[in-house]
Amino acid sequence: MSKDHRVTSKFSQRSWNEKKSNDSWSIFKIMGEFVEGYDRLQSIGPCVSIFGSARTKPEDPYYKMAQEIAFELTQKGYGVITGGGPGIMEAGNKGAQQGEGVSVGLNIDLPFEQSSNAWVDNQHSIDFDYFFVRKVMFIKYSQGFVVMPGGFGTLDELFESLTLIQTDKIGRFPIIMVGKDFWGGLLDWIKSTLLEKFATISAKDLDLFVLVDTAEEAVIEIDKFYSQYLLKPNF
């Protein structure tokens, strides 16, 4: 082994050991995010999370629909949780404040497009570095998900919640997908490919979500669910 190779190997091993040490210390930062989230959200009362694209503009019909859904939810006694950013998230928080309900924003530190919107209650604005901690907060403190048109992050929240319910890791709660023109193709693929062609899900898994087209239908579906089940924490 050449001297240069020995030096390179030694340097690589030292870098690797330093990385492992940093990984160990990051556990405390992760714990800190969990503790802050639990502490600040434990008293917010029953809430529904609204998900959707950060890129949706105020003039978009789905922005207006998210705002209407949030407002109507507050009239039923629910608060609203969003990711705290622009677009659909802003619409949800805006509707919640207009309805004089709890308006929660779970912000995530991103290199683009994410900043806290003006409609989040100051005492209910929480910043996260870790997506997985933030997702736990959404699920733990939500009594339902309203899923508006969105991108990868929205799909991530949707499918994680479906997986947790499907595998009995959490109790069932309503998952309302809004927008047949947006979600219809995906649901057709789930039925034709996952269910019928490859049998990677069962027919009963299709009952874990409801597809609606109006704000009124979304709120009715949540009301209908809790006419049968008690409101309770998800963990």
Protein backbone atom coordinates (compact mmCIF):
# COMPACT_ATOMS: atom_id res chain seq x y z
CA MET A 1 0.00 0.00 0.00
CA SER A 2 1.44 3.38 -0.99
CA LYS A 3 1.91 6.18 1.53
CA ASP A 4 -0.61 8.34 -0.31
CA HIS A 5 -3.21 5.56 -0.13
CA ARG A 6 -2.55 5.08 3.60
CA VAL A 7 -3.06 8.81 4.22
CA THR A 8 -6.28 8.81 2.18
CA SER A 9 -7.62 5.75 4.00
CA LYS A 10 -6.79 7.25 7.40
CA PHE A 11 -8.48 10.54 6.47
CA SER A 12 -11.59 8.71 5.22
CA GLN A 13 -11.84 6.70 8.43
CA ARG A 14 -11.48 9.85 10.55
CA SER A 15 -14.22 11.58 8.53
CA TRP A 16 -16.44 8.55 8.93
CA ASN A 17 -15.92 8.48 12.71
CA GLU A 18 -16.71 12.21 12.94
CA LYS A 19 -19.88 11.67 10.95
CA LYS A 20 -21.01 8.87 13.27
CA SER A 21 -20.39 11.14 16.26
CA ASN A 22 -22.50 13.90 14.68
CA ASP A 23 -25.25 11.37 13.95
CA SER A 24 -25.39 10.46 17.64
CA TRP A 25 -25.73 14.09 18.72
CA SER A 26 -28.49 14.71 16.17
CA ILE A 27 -30.70 12.40 18.24
CA PHE A 28 -31.02 15.18 20.83
CA LYS A 29 -32.13 17.68 18.19
CA ILE A 30 -34.74 15.19 16.96
CA MET A 31 -35.93 14.62 20.52
CA GLY A 32 -36.15 18.38 21.03
CA GLU A 33 -38.43 18.76 18.01
CA PHE A 34 -40.71 16.00 19.28
CA VAL A 35 -40.87 17.51 22.78
CA GLU A 36 -41.66 21.01 21.49
CA GLY A 37 -44.32 19.68 19.12
CA TYR A 38 -46.04 17.59 21.80
CA ASP A 39 -45.86 20.40 24.34
CA ARG A 40 -47.31 23.08 22.08
CA LEU A 41 -49.98 21.01 20.33
CA GLN A 42 -51.41 18.92 23.15
CA SER A 43 -54.09 21.47 24.01
CA ILE A 44 -55.25 22.64 20.56
CA GLY A 45 -58.43 20.54 20.58
CA PRO A 46 -59.93 18.61 17.65
CA CYS A 47 -58.34 19.68 14.36
CA VAL A 48 -58.38 18.69 10.70
CA SER A 49 -55.26 18.95 8.54
CA ILE A 50 -55.49 20.46 5.07
CA PHE A 51 -52.78 19.50 2.58
CA GLY A 52 -52.05 20.78 -0.91
CA SER A 53 -49.63 22.56 -3.16
CA ALA A 54 -47.59 25.54 -1.96
CA ARG A 55 -47.73 26.82 -5.56
CA THR A 56 -51.50 27.28 -5.78
CA LYS A 57 -52.39 30.94 -6.34
CA PRO A 58 -55.19 32.84 -4.54
CA GLU A 59 -57.19 33.10 -7.76
CA ASP A 60 -57.17 29.32 -8.24
CA PRO A 61 -60.55 27.62 -7.56
CA TYR A 62 -58.83 25.06 -5.30
CA TYR A 63 -57.35 27.85 -3.15
CA LYS A 64 -60.83 29.27 -2.66
CA MET A 65 -62.23 25.80 -1.95
CA ALA A 66 -59.57 25.10 0.69
CA GLN A 67 -60.38 28.42 2.33
CA GLU A 68 -64.08 27.57 2.33
CA ILE A 69 -63.47 24.09 3.75
CA ALA A 70 -61.37 25.53 6.57
CA PHE A 71 -63.98 28.14 7.40
CA GLU A 72 -66.78 25.56 7.47
CA LEU A 73 -64.72 23.22 9.64
CA THR A 74 -64.31 25.94 12.26
CA GLN A 75 -68.10 26.38 12.29
CA LYS A 76 -68.33 22.70 13.20
CA GLY A 77 -65.90 23.14 16.11
CA TYR A 78 -62.66 22.00 14.46
CA GLY A 79 -59.37 23.82 14.26
CA VAL A 80 -57.23 23.64 11.13
CA ILE A 81 -53.64 22.42 10.77
CA THR A 82 -51.55 23.09 7.67
CA GLY A 83 -47.90 23.07 6.72
CA GLY A 84 -47.88 26.80 7.45
CA GLY A 85 -46.64 27.87 4.02
CA PRO A 86 -48.16 29.53 0.95
CA GLY A 87 -50.72 28.21 -1.53
CA ILE A 88 -53.29 25.73 -0.24
CA MET A 89 -51.72 25.94 3.22
CA GLU A 90 -52.26 29.68 3.33
CA ALA A 91 -55.85 29.20 2.17
CA GLY A 92 -56.52 26.73 4.98
CA ASN A 93 -55.10 29.01 7.67
CA LYS A 94 -56.91 32.01 6.22
CA GLY A 95 -60.26 30.22 6.31
CA ALA A 96 -59.61 29.07 9.88
CA GLN A 97 -58.88 32.58 11.10
CA GLN A 98 -61.88 33.99 9.28
CA GLY A 99 -63.99 31.42 11.09
CA GLU A 100 -62.34 32.40 14.40
CA GLY A 101 -61.00 28.88 14.86
CA VAL A 102 -57.60 27.50 15.83
CA SER A 103 -55.11 28.01 12.97
CA VAL A 104 -51.96 25.89 13.25
CA GLY A 105 -48.91 26.03 10.98
CA LEU A 106 -46.26 23.29 11.09
CA ASN A 107 -43.48 24.94 9.11
CA ILE A 108 -40.55 23.12 7.55
CA ASP A 109 -37.16 24.66 6.77
CA LEU A 110 -36.75 24.38 2.98
CA PRO A 111 -34.33 26.04 0.53
CA PHE A 112 -37.27 27.36 -1.54
CA GLU A 113 -40.99 28.20 -1.48
CA GLN A 114 -41.59 27.67 2.26
CA SER A 115 -42.23 30.57 4.59
CA SER A 116 -44.83 30.97 7.30
CA ASN A 117 -48.02 32.58 6.06
CA ALA A 118 -49.71 35.49 7.84
CA TRP A 119 -52.82 33.52 8.82
CA VAL A 120 -51.23 31.14 11.34
CA ASP A 121 -51.88 31.89 15.02
CA ASN A 122 -48.64 33.15 16.54
CA GLN A 123 -48.86 30.69 19.42
CA HIS A 124 -49.52 27.82 17.00
CA SER A 125 -46.64 28.38 14.59
CA ILE A 126 -43.94 25.72 14.97
CA ASP A 127 -40.77 25.26 12.91
CA PHE A 128 -39.29 21.86 12.06
CA ASP A 129 -36.07 20.71 10.42
CA TYR A 130 -37.13 17.09 10.08
CA PHE A 131 -39.96 16.03 7.80
CA PHE A 132 -40.58 12.82 9.72
CA VAL A 133 -41.09 14.65 13.04
CA ARG A 134 -43.47 17.07 11.35
CA LYS A 135 -45.46 14.20 9.83
CA VAL A 136 -45.91 12.60 13.24
CA MET A 137 -47.41 15.88 14.49
CA PHE A 138 -49.87 16.02 11.60
CA ILE A 139 -51.12 12.52 12.29
CA LYS A 140 -51.09 12.67 16.07
CA TYR A 141 -53.06 15.90 16.36
CA SER A 142 -55.47 15.57 13.41
CA GLN A 143 -58.93 14.06 13.45
CA GLY A 144 -59.01 14.01 9.67
CA PHE A 145 -57.07 14.84 6.52
CA VAL A 146 -58.42 16.97 3.68
CA VAL A 147 -56.12 16.40 0.71
CA MET A 148 -56.27 19.05 -2.00
CA PRO A 149 -54.33 18.94 -5.30
CA GLY A 150 -50.61 18.99 -4.61
CA GLY A 151 -47.21 17.58 -5.45
CA PHE A 152 -44.83 15.02 -3.97
CA GLY A 153 -45.21 16.30 -0.40
CA THR A 154 -49.00 16.03 -0.56
CA LEU A 155 -48.75 12.51 -1.99
CA ASP A 156 -46.29 11.61 0.77
CA GLU A 157 -48.72 12.69 3.51
CA LEU A 158 -51.63 10.94 1.79
CA PHE A 159 -49.94 7.57 1.32
CA GLU A 160 -48.26 7.54 4.71
CA SER A 161 -51.59 8.09 6.44
CA LEU A 162 -53.23 5.37 4.33
CA THR A 163 -50.38 2.97 5.16
CA LEU A 164 -50.59 3.63 8.91
CA ILE A 165 -54.34 3.03 8.95
CA GLN A 166 -54.11 0.00 6.66
CA THR A 167 -51.51 -1.64 8.93
CA ASP A 168 -53.36 -0.74 12.18
CA LYS A 169 -50.53 1.46 13.43
CA ILE A 170 -53.09 4.19 14.11
CA GLY A 171 -56.85 4.24 14.44
CA ARG A 172 -58.90 5.05 11.40
CA PHE A 173 -59.79 8.68 10.68
CA PRO A 174 -61.40 10.30 7.62
CA ILE A 175 -59.19 10.99 4.61
CA ILE A 176 -60.98 13.23 2.14
CA MET A 177 -59.47 13.75 -1.32
CA VAL A 178 -60.84 16.87 -2.99
CA GLY A 179 -60.99 17.27 -6.78
CA LYS A 180 -62.14 14.48 -9.07
CA ASP A 181 -60.41 16.06 -12.06
CA PHE A 182 -57.08 16.00 -10.19
CA TRP A 183 -57.28 12.68 -8.30
CA GLY A 184 -59.42 10.65 -10.71
CA GLY A 185 -56.53 9.33 -12.81
CA LEU A 186 -54.57 8.24 -9.75
CA LEU A 187 -57.56 6.42 -8.27
CA ASP A 188 -58.25 4.71 -11.61
CA TRP A 189 -54.64 3.46 -11.60
CA ILE A 190 -54.90 2.27 -7.98
CA LYS A 191 -57.99 0.26 -8.85
CA SER A 192 -56.88 -1.13 -12.21
CA THR A 193 -53.22 -1.79 -11.39
CA LEU A 194 -52.77 -2.21 -7.63
CA LEU A 195 -56.09 -3.95 -6.99
CA GLU A 196 -57.14 -5.77 -10.15
CA LYS A 197 -53.95 -6.48 -12.11
CA PHE A 198 -51.37 -7.12 -9.38
CA ALA A 199 -53.52 -7.57 -6.24
CA THR A 200 -51.07 -5.58 -4.09
CA ILE A 201 -53.95 -4.08 -2.09
CA SER A 202 -57.33 -5.46 -1.08
CA ALA A 203 -60.75 -4.14 -2.07
CA LYS A 204 -61.42 -2.92 1.48
CA ASP A 205 -58.39 -0.60 1.24
CA LEU A 206 -60.39 1.53 -1.20
CA ASP A 207 -62.70 2.37 1.71
CA LEU A 208 -59.89 4.18 3.56
CA PHE A 209 -60.48 7.40 1.60
CA VAL A 210 -63.34 9.33 0.04
CA LEU A 211 -63.21 11.39 -3.17
CA VAL A 212 -65.35 14.55 -3.26
CA ASP A 213 -65.70 17.58 -5.50
CA THR A 214 -67.00 20.38 -3.27
CA ALA A 215 -66.22 22.04 0.05
CA GLU A 216 -69.65 21.09 1.35
CA GLU A 217 -69.08 17.40 0.57
CA ALA A 218 -65.71 17.43 2.32
CA VAL A 219 -67.15 18.79 5.56
CA ILE A 220 -70.17 16.46 5.38
CA GLU A 221 -67.88 13.43 5.09
CA ILE A 222 -65.95 14.41 8.23
CA ASP A 223 -69.20 15.03 10.11
CA LYS A 224 -70.54 11.69 8.90
CA PHE A 225 -67.47 9.85 10.17
CA TYR A 226 -67.70 11.36 13.65
CA SER A 227 -71.38 10.65 13.89
CA GLN A 228 -70.21 7.02 14.22
CA TYR A 229 -66.88 7.34 16.05
CA LEU A 230 -65.60 9.32 19.03
CA LEU A 231 -62.97 12.01 18.64
CA LYS A 232 -59.74 10.71 20.16
CA PRO A 233 -55.95 11.07 19.80
CA ASN A 234 -54.39 9.04 16.99
CA PHE A 235 -51.59 7.54 19.14
